[in-house]
Amino acid sequence: MRNRAELETHLREQHRLLGRSVDVFYAGDVAEAMQIATRIRLLVHETGRSKPLLKKLRPDYLQLPIMDKNEVKSEDIVFAIPLSMMLMDCRLSPSRNWDPRSYEKVLLGHWWSRDSLIVPLKTGRVAFSREELVLCIANQDGGAHVDDDLPPKYRALIEAEPIRVNAGVTSDSVNLARYMVGQAGAELLDCIESAFEFVEPWPKAPPLDPKIPAIFLDDLSLSATPVLIPVR
């Protein structure tokens, strides 16, 4: 059994590695979501044979508070994309300029397992939890392994590209799975810093200073009735 001091050292190291990856992700390298997925899996995901690092330090780790995008609670939701994004120069990018009004405090277990990404695909409306997306990327799609066979629902998501930005003769696709995992890394980073006083806050890179005009989008959602696209 590892002693408490060893576990605390590991958490400080994992927190630091996660912080670096989050900075790289928001600097524009969306592929860094693969590294972020492996960090989140190590910290949060429990299997029958191994406990996540957070549970070794806090058996009640799923009760830790974490800030989550406001949950859309409606039976007729067509899609919900709980991401902060920026539209600038006809390109859509993940943004760290988060609008605090679009966040609420929830328990880590709920943040991890709830259906958060909801999109319409050719096969019908599908929903993904952060757990599903993290494990698909970490275990099968480039994090720790590259498998030949991906879960059909996940493959449909990455092939369908539900969001595209068209500008003249060019188009820019958005990998929603990687966007979701990258932002999840930033949210978990803040959670760890708040819950464990022996972890020093990561000196976060400043948010990108956008050129004008730039449009910020938070909590895109669409139901069978009204459309809600908060723009600031």
C-alpha atoms as a PDB file:
ATOM      1  CA  MET A   1       0.000   0.000   0.000  1.00  0.00           C
ATOM      2  CA  ARG A   2       1.264   3.470  -0.839  1.00  0.00           C
ATOM      3  CA  ASN A   3       1.331   5.895   2.037  1.00  0.00           C
ATOM      4  CA  ARG A   4      -0.495   9.227   2.099  1.00  0.00           C
ATOM      5  CA  ALA A   5       2.602  11.254   1.261  1.00  0.00           C
ATOM      6  CA  GLU A   6       3.243   9.213  -1.914  1.00  0.00           C
ATOM      7  CA  LEU A   7      -0.347   9.619  -3.057  1.00  0.00           C
ATOM      8  CA  GLU A   8      -0.252  13.367  -2.478  1.00  0.00           C
ATOM      9  CA  THR A   9       2.931  13.603  -4.539  1.00  0.00           C
ATOM     10  CA  HIS A  10       1.259  11.690  -7.358  1.00  0.00           C
ATOM     11  CA  LEU A  11      -1.752  14.005  -7.295  1.00  0.00           C
ATOM     12  CA  ARG A  12       0.461  17.100  -7.436  1.00  0.00           C
ATOM     13  CA  GLU A  13       2.290  15.584 -10.427  1.00  0.00           C
ATOM     14  CA  GLN A  14      -0.906  14.582 -12.237  1.00  0.00           C
ATOM     15  CA  HIS A  15      -2.411  17.995 -11.575  1.00  0.00           C
ATOM     16  CA  ARG A  16       0.679  19.654 -13.050  1.00  0.00           C
ATOM     17  CA  LEU A  17       0.642  17.401 -16.129  1.00  0.00           C
ATOM     18  CA  LEU A  18      -3.058  18.029 -16.613  1.00  0.00           C
ATOM     19  CA  GLY A  19      -2.512  21.777 -16.330  1.00  0.00           C
ATOM     20  CA  ARG A  20       0.147  21.735 -19.033  1.00  0.00           C
ATOM     21  CA  SER A  21      -2.072  19.732 -21.377  1.00  0.00           C
ATOM     22  CA  VAL A  22      -5.029  22.049 -20.792  1.00  0.00           C
ATOM     23  CA  ASP A  23      -2.853  25.062 -21.679  1.00  0.00           C
ATOM     24  CA  VAL A  24      -1.712  23.358 -24.896  1.00  0.00           C
ATOM     25  CA  PHE A  25      -5.308  22.462 -25.775  1.00  0.00           C
ATOM     26  CA  TYR A  26      -6.540  26.045 -25.375  1.00  0.00           C
ATOM     27  CA  ALA A  27      -3.519  27.352 -27.283  1.00  0.00           C
ATOM     28  CA  GLY A  28      -5.002  25.633 -30.330  1.00  0.00           C
ATOM     29  CA  ASP A  29      -3.737  22.036 -30.336  1.00  0.00           C
ATOM     30  CA  VAL A  30      -7.011  20.132 -30.006  1.00  0.00           C
ATOM     31  CA  ALA A  31      -5.165  16.794 -30.337  1.00  0.00           C
ATOM     32  CA  GLU A  32      -3.910  17.378 -26.777  1.00  0.00           C
ATOM     33  CA  ALA A  33      -7.354  16.143 -25.692  1.00  0.00           C
ATOM     34  CA  MET A  34      -5.916  12.629 -26.063  1.00  0.00           C
ATOM     35  CA  GLN A  35      -3.423  13.334 -23.259  1.00  0.00           C
ATOM     36  CA  ILE A  36      -6.114  15.024 -21.189  1.00  0.00           C
ATOM     37  CA  ALA A  37      -8.333  11.942 -21.520  1.00  0.00           C
ATOM     38  CA  THR A  38      -5.651   9.653 -20.089  1.00  0.00           C
ATOM     39  CA  ARG A  39      -5.135  12.012 -17.127  1.00  0.00           C
ATOM     40  CA  ILE A  40      -8.846  12.197 -16.369  1.00  0.00           C
ATOM     41  CA  ARG A  41      -9.160   8.410 -16.597  1.00  0.00           C
ATOM     42  CA  LEU A  42      -6.353   7.938 -14.070  1.00  0.00           C
ATOM     43  CA  LEU A  43      -7.859  10.506 -11.700  1.00  0.00           C
ATOM     44  CA  VAL A  44     -11.566   9.643 -11.880  1.00  0.00           C
ATOM     45  CA  HIS A  45     -12.391   6.330 -13.577  1.00  0.00           C
ATOM     46  CA  GLU A  46     -12.864   3.290 -11.354  1.00  0.00           C
ATOM     47  CA  THR A  47     -12.751  -0.305 -12.535  1.00  0.00           C
ATOM     48  CA  GLY A  48     -13.204  -3.534 -10.645  1.00  0.00           C
ATOM     49  CA  ARG A  49      -9.438  -4.002 -10.400  1.00  0.00           C
ATOM     50  CA  SER A  50      -8.165  -0.496  -9.773  1.00  0.00           C
ATOM     51  CA  LYS A  51      -9.184   2.629  -7.917  1.00  0.00           C
ATOM     52  CA  PRO A  52      -8.709   6.106  -9.354  1.00  0.00           C
ATOM     53  CA  LEU A  53      -6.155   8.335  -7.697  1.00  0.00           C
ATOM     54  CA  LEU A  54      -8.771  10.726  -6.314  1.00  0.00           C
ATOM     55  CA  LYS A  55     -10.538   7.847  -4.537  1.00  0.00           C
ATOM     56  CA  LYS A  56      -7.296   6.722  -2.902  1.00  0.00           C
ATOM     57  CA  LEU A  57      -7.064  10.167  -1.338  1.00  0.00           C
ATOM     58  CA  ARG A  58     -10.773  10.775  -0.787  1.00  0.00           C
ATOM     59  CA  PRO A  59     -13.077   7.726  -0.652  1.00  0.00           C
ATOM     60  CA  ASP A  60     -15.996  10.139  -1.145  1.00  0.00           C
ATOM     61  CA  TYR A  61     -14.353  11.741  -4.193  1.00  0.00           C
ATOM     62  CA  LEU A  62     -17.530  11.558  -6.270  1.00  0.00           C
ATOM     63  CA  GLN A  63     -19.083  13.978  -3.767  1.00  0.00           C
ATOM     64  CA  LEU A  64     -16.491  16.675  -4.469  1.00  0.00           C
ATOM     65  CA  PRO A  65     -17.955  19.906  -5.889  1.00  0.00           C
ATOM     66  CA  ILE A  66     -17.143  20.842  -9.460  1.00  0.00           C
ATOM     67  CA  MET A  67     -18.393  23.577 -11.739  1.00  0.00           C
ATOM     68  CA  ASP A  68     -20.447  22.240 -14.641  1.00  0.00           C
ATOM     69  CA  LYS A  69     -22.234  23.858 -17.535  1.00  0.00           C
ATOM     70  CA  ASN A  70     -25.878  24.556 -16.715  1.00  0.00           C
ATOM     71  CA  GLU A  71     -27.730  21.327 -17.392  1.00  0.00           C
ATOM     72  CA  VAL A  72     -30.489  21.475 -19.975  1.00  0.00           C
ATOM     73  CA  LYS A  73     -33.407  19.600 -18.409  1.00  0.00           C
ATOM     74  CA  SER A  74     -36.034  18.942 -21.032  1.00  0.00           C
ATOM     75  CA  GLU A  75     -37.443  15.851 -22.688  1.00  0.00           C
ATOM     76  CA  ASP A  76     -37.577  17.487 -26.115  1.00  0.00           C
ATOM     77  CA  ILE A  77     -33.925  18.546 -26.417  1.00  0.00           C
ATOM     78  CA  VAL A  78     -32.651  17.967 -29.939  1.00  0.00           C
ATOM     79  CA  PHE A  79     -29.081  18.878 -29.123  1.00  0.00           C
ATOM     80  CA  ALA A  80     -27.087  20.258 -26.216  1.00  0.00           C
ATOM     81  CA  ILE A  81     -23.428  21.201 -26.522  1.00  0.00           C
ATOM     82  CA  PRO A  82     -22.119  22.356 -23.113  1.00  0.00           C
ATOM     83  CA  LEU A  83     -18.993  24.027 -24.443  1.00  0.00           C
ATOM     84  CA  SER A  84     -17.501  27.504 -24.454  1.00  0.00           C
ATOM     85  CA  MET A  85     -16.435  28.328 -27.984  1.00  0.00           C
ATOM     86  CA  MET A  86     -15.266  31.359 -29.908  1.00  0.00           C
ATOM     87  CA  LEU A  87     -16.070  32.207 -33.514  1.00  0.00           C
ATOM     88  CA  MET A  88     -13.325  34.367 -35.001  1.00  0.00           C
ATOM     89  CA  ASP A  89     -11.997  34.700 -38.556  1.00  0.00           C
ATOM     90  CA  CYS A  90     -14.615  32.147 -39.664  1.00  0.00           C
ATOM     91  CA  ARG A  91     -13.130  29.504 -37.345  1.00  0.00           C
ATOM     92  CA  LEU A  92     -14.740  27.942 -34.290  1.00  0.00           C
ATOM     93  CA  SER A  93     -12.326  27.242 -31.439  1.00  0.00           C
ATOM     94  CA  PRO A  94     -12.583  26.126 -27.798  1.00  0.00           C
ATOM     95  CA  SER A  95     -12.511  29.162 -25.528  1.00  0.00           C
ATOM     96  CA  ARG A  96     -11.377  29.640 -21.962  1.00  0.00           C
ATOM     97  CA  ASN A  97     -13.295  32.909 -21.735  1.00  0.00           C
ATOM     98  CA  TRP A  98     -16.028  31.157 -19.755  1.00  0.00           C
ATOM     99  CA  ASP A  99     -19.221  32.978 -18.903  1.00  0.00           C
ATOM    100  CA  PRO A 100     -19.811  32.280 -15.157  1.00  0.00           C
ATOM    101  CA  ARG A 101     -23.541  32.666 -15.706  1.00  0.00           C
ATOM    102  CA  SER A 102     -23.504  29.441 -17.722  1.00  0.00           C
ATOM    103  CA  TYR A 103     -22.067  27.390 -14.838  1.00  0.00           C
ATOM    104  CA  GLU A 104     -23.461  25.750 -11.716  1.00  0.00           C
ATOM    105  CA  LYS A 105     -21.885  23.759  -8.885  1.00  0.00           C
ATOM    106  CA  VAL A 106     -22.623  20.011  -8.973  1.00  0.00           C
ATOM    107  CA  LEU A 107     -21.141  16.821  -7.545  1.00  0.00           C
ATOM    108  CA  LEU A 108     -18.227  15.230  -9.393  1.00  0.00           C
ATOM    109  CA  GLY A 109     -20.121  11.951  -9.827  1.00  0.00           C
ATOM    110  CA  HIS A 110     -22.975  13.747 -11.580  1.00  0.00           C
ATOM    111  CA  TRP A 111     -20.584  15.772 -13.751  1.00  0.00           C
ATOM    112  CA  TRP A 112     -18.829  12.537 -14.764  1.00  0.00           C
ATOM    113  CA  SER A 113     -21.816  10.332 -15.572  1.00  0.00           C
ATOM    114  CA  ARG A 114     -24.645  12.598 -16.742  1.00  0.00           C
ATOM    115  CA  ASP A 115     -25.611  12.836 -20.409  1.00  0.00           C
ATOM    116  CA  SER A 116     -23.965  16.131 -21.283  1.00  0.00           C
ATOM    117  CA  LEU A 117     -23.389  16.102 -25.059  1.00  0.00           C
ATOM    118  CA  ILE A 118     -26.600  15.494 -27.009  1.00  0.00           C
ATOM    119  CA  VAL A 119     -26.547  15.590 -30.806  1.00  0.00           C
ATOM    120  CA  PRO A 120     -28.771  14.477 -33.699  1.00  0.00           C
ATOM    121  CA  LEU A 121     -27.082  12.006 -36.022  1.00  0.00           C
ATOM    122  CA  LYS A 122     -28.329  10.015 -39.007  1.00  0.00           C
ATOM    123  CA  THR A 123     -29.033   7.139 -36.654  1.00  0.00           C
ATOM    124  CA  GLY A 124     -31.105   9.420 -34.409  1.00  0.00           C
ATOM    125  CA  ARG A 125     -30.564  11.534 -31.306  1.00  0.00           C
ATOM    126  CA  VAL A 126     -27.639  10.287 -29.204  1.00  0.00           C
ATOM    127  CA  ALA A 127     -26.270  11.353 -25.835  1.00  0.00           C
ATOM    128  CA  PHE A 128     -22.786  11.039 -24.370  1.00  0.00           C
ATOM    129  CA  SER A 129     -21.533  11.402 -20.823  1.00  0.00           C
ATOM    130  CA  ARG A 130     -18.071  12.755 -20.112  1.00  0.00           C
ATOM    131  CA  GLU A 131     -17.177   9.274 -18.902  1.00  0.00           C
ATOM    132  CA  GLU A 132     -18.048   7.765 -22.295  1.00  0.00           C
ATOM    133  CA  LEU A 133     -16.065  10.342 -24.254  1.00  0.00           C
ATOM    134  CA  VAL A 134     -13.015  10.206 -21.966  1.00  0.00           C
ATOM    135  CA  LEU A 135     -12.845   6.407 -22.052  1.00  0.00           C
ATOM    136  CA  CYS A 136     -13.350   6.193 -25.829  1.00  0.00           C
ATOM    137  CA  ILE A 137     -10.507   8.628 -26.453  1.00  0.00           C
ATOM    138  CA  ALA A 138      -8.209   7.272 -23.724  1.00  0.00           C
ATOM    139  CA  ASN A 139      -8.755   3.564 -24.367  1.00  0.00           C
ATOM    140  CA  GLN A 140      -9.454   3.356 -28.075  1.00  0.00           C
ATOM    141  CA  ASP A 141      -8.937   6.570 -30.038  1.00  0.00           C
ATOM    142  CA  GLY A 142      -5.372   7.686 -29.484  1.00  0.00           C
ATOM    143  CA  GLY A 143      -4.934   8.238 -25.744  1.00  0.00           C
ATOM    144  CA  ALA A 144      -3.358   4.953 -24.629  1.00  0.00           C
ATOM    145  CA  HIS A 145      -4.465   2.777 -27.558  1.00  0.00           C
ATOM    146  CA  VAL A 146      -5.539   3.061 -31.183  1.00  0.00           C
ATOM    147  CA  ASP A 147      -8.134   0.344 -31.742  1.00  0.00           C
ATOM    148  CA  ASP A 148      -9.403  -0.776 -35.133  1.00  0.00           C
ATOM    149  CA  ASP A 149     -12.975  -0.986 -33.884  1.00  0.00           C
ATOM    150  CA  LEU A 150     -14.597   2.023 -32.227  1.00  0.00           C
ATOM    151  CA  PRO A 151     -17.996   1.957 -30.519  1.00  0.00           C
ATOM    152  CA  PRO A 152     -20.590   2.588 -33.277  1.00  0.00           C
ATOM    153  CA  LYS A 153     -22.130   5.555 -31.453  1.00  0.00           C
ATOM    154  CA  TYR A 154     -18.755   7.230 -30.975  1.00  0.00           C
ATOM    155  CA  ARG A 155     -17.710   6.582 -34.597  1.00  0.00           C
ATOM    156  CA  ALA A 156     -20.981   8.077 -35.788  1.00  0.00           C
ATOM    157  CA  LEU A 157     -20.250  11.217 -33.759  1.00  0.00           C
ATOM    158  CA  ILE A 158     -16.751  11.818 -35.109  1.00  0.00           C
ATOM    159  CA  GLU A 159     -17.720  10.986 -38.694  1.00  0.00           C
ATOM    160  CA  ALA A 160     -20.947  13.010 -38.758  1.00  0.00           C
ATOM    161  CA  GLU A 161     -19.292  16.279 -37.627  1.00  0.00           C
ATOM    162  CA  PRO A 162     -22.547  17.787 -36.284  1.00  0.00           C
ATOM    163  CA  ILE A 163     -21.040  21.305 -36.304  1.00  0.00           C
ATOM    164  CA  ARG A 164     -19.274  22.840 -39.294  1.00  0.00           C
ATOM    165  CA  VAL A 165     -18.440  26.472 -39.963  1.00  0.00           C
ATOM    166  CA  ASN A 166     -18.697  27.339 -43.663  1.00  0.00           C
ATOM    167  CA  ALA A 167     -16.871  30.374 -45.047  1.00  0.00           C
ATOM    168  CA  GLY A 168     -16.920  30.756 -48.797  1.00  0.00           C
ATOM    169  CA  VAL A 169     -15.266  27.738 -50.373  1.00  0.00           C
ATOM    170  CA  THR A 170     -13.764  26.451 -47.116  1.00  0.00           C
ATOM    171  CA  SER A 171     -15.311  24.671 -44.160  1.00  0.00           C
ATOM    172  CA  ASP A 172     -14.014  24.006 -40.673  1.00  0.00           C
ATOM    173  CA  SER A 173     -15.156  20.885 -38.817  1.00  0.00           C
ATOM    174  CA  VAL A 174     -15.353  20.585 -35.053  1.00  0.00           C
ATOM    175  CA  ASN A 175     -14.381  17.401 -33.205  1.00  0.00           C
ATOM    176  CA  LEU A 176     -16.943  17.650 -30.419  1.00  0.00           C
ATOM    177  CA  ALA A 177     -15.541  14.639 -28.547  1.00  0.00           C
ATOM    178  CA  ARG A 178     -12.114  16.264 -28.210  1.00  0.00           C
ATOM    179  CA  TYR A 179     -13.608  19.656 -27.407  1.00  0.00           C
ATOM    180  CA  MET A 180     -15.664  18.113 -24.604  1.00  0.00           C
ATOM    181  CA  VAL A 181     -12.697  16.244 -23.122  1.00  0.00           C
ATOM    182  CA  GLY A 182     -10.423  19.293 -23.317  1.00  0.00           C
ATOM    183  CA  GLN A 183     -12.911  21.444 -21.439  1.00  0.00           C
ATOM    184  CA  ALA A 184     -13.511  18.622 -18.939  1.00  0.00           C
ATOM    185  CA  GLY A 185      -9.787  18.725 -18.168  1.00  0.00           C
ATOM    186  CA  ALA A 186      -9.981  22.423 -17.342  1.00  0.00           C
ATOM    187  CA  GLU A 187     -13.037  21.895 -15.140  1.00  0.00           C
ATOM    188  CA  LEU A 188     -11.379  19.013 -13.266  1.00  0.00           C
ATOM    189  CA  LEU A 189      -8.216  21.068 -12.792  1.00  0.00           C
ATOM    190  CA  ASP A 190     -10.215  23.699 -10.880  1.00  0.00           C
ATOM    191  CA  CYS A 191     -12.016  20.995  -8.876  1.00  0.00           C
ATOM    192  CA  ILE A 192      -8.736  19.478  -7.661  1.00  0.00           C
ATOM    193  CA  GLU A 193      -7.338  22.846  -6.648  1.00  0.00           C
ATOM    194  CA  SER A 194     -10.452  23.624  -4.591  1.00  0.00           C
ATOM    195  CA  ALA A 195     -10.665  20.209  -2.909  1.00  0.00           C
ATOM    196  CA  PHE A 196      -7.032  19.522  -1.977  1.00  0.00           C
ATOM    197  CA  GLU A 197      -5.189  22.291  -0.164  1.00  0.00           C
ATOM    198  CA  PHE A 198      -1.808  20.619  -0.655  1.00  0.00           C
ATOM    199  CA  VAL A 199      -2.163  21.161  -4.444  1.00  0.00           C
ATOM    200  CA  GLU A 200      -0.983  24.592  -5.510  1.00  0.00           C
ATOM    201  CA  PRO A 201      -3.098  26.345  -8.153  1.00  0.00           C
ATOM    202  CA  TRP A 202      -1.769  25.906 -11.645  1.00  0.00           C
ATOM    203  CA  PRO A 203      -0.553  29.223 -13.149  1.00  0.00           C
ATOM    204  CA  LYS A 204      -3.020  29.138 -15.980  1.00  0.00           C
ATOM    205  CA  ALA A 205      -2.165  30.683 -19.310  1.00  0.00           C
ATOM    206  CA  PRO A 206      -4.262  33.805 -19.942  1.00  0.00           C
ATOM    207  CA  PRO A 207      -7.256  33.383 -22.240  1.00  0.00           C
ATOM    208  CA  LEU A 208      -6.642  34.186 -25.868  1.00  0.00           C
ATOM    209  CA  ASP A 209      -7.116  37.888 -26.552  1.00  0.00           C
ATOM    210  CA  PRO A 210      -9.604  37.760 -29.420  1.00  0.00           C
ATOM    211  CA  LYS A 211      -9.614  40.022 -32.406  1.00  0.00           C
ATOM    212  CA  ILE A 212     -12.711  42.048 -33.018  1.00  0.00           C
ATOM    213  CA  PRO A 213     -15.200  40.984 -34.157  1.00  0.00           C
ATOM    214  CA  ALA A 214     -15.321  37.741 -32.177  1.00  0.00           C
ATOM    215  CA  ILE A 215     -18.434  35.930 -30.984  1.00  0.00           C
ATOM    216  CA  PHE A 216     -18.458  33.824 -27.822  1.00  0.00           C
ATOM    217  CA  LEU A 217     -20.923  30.950 -27.545  1.00  0.00           C
ATOM    218  CA  ASP A 218     -21.928  29.172 -24.352  1.00  0.00           C
ATOM    219  CA  ASP A 219     -24.362  26.288 -23.856  1.00  0.00           C
ATOM    220  CA  LEU A 220     -25.677  25.840 -27.372  1.00  0.00           C
ATOM    221  CA  SER A 221     -28.946  23.950 -27.194  1.00  0.00           C
ATOM    222  CA  LEU A 222     -32.004  23.398 -29.318  1.00  0.00           C
ATOM    223  CA  SER A 223     -35.328  21.943 -28.291  1.00  0.00           C
ATOM    224  CA  ALA A 224     -38.439  21.212 -30.263  1.00  0.00           C
ATOM    225  CA  THR A 225     -39.669  24.683 -29.279  1.00  0.00           C
ATOM    226  CA  PRO A 226     -37.370  27.678 -28.651  1.00  0.00           C
ATOM    227  CA  VAL A 227     -33.720  28.005 -29.634  1.00  0.00           C
ATOM    228  CA  LEU A 228     -31.242  29.160 -27.000  1.00  0.00           C
ATOM    229  CA  ILE A 229     -27.815  30.315 -28.203  1.00  0.00           C
ATOM    230  CA  PRO A 230     -26.273  32.603 -25.569  1.00  0.00           C
ATOM    231  CA  VAL A 231     -23.955  35.016 -27.350  1.00  0.00           C
ATOM    232  CA  ARG A 232     -21.723  37.563 -25.627  1.00  0.00           C
END
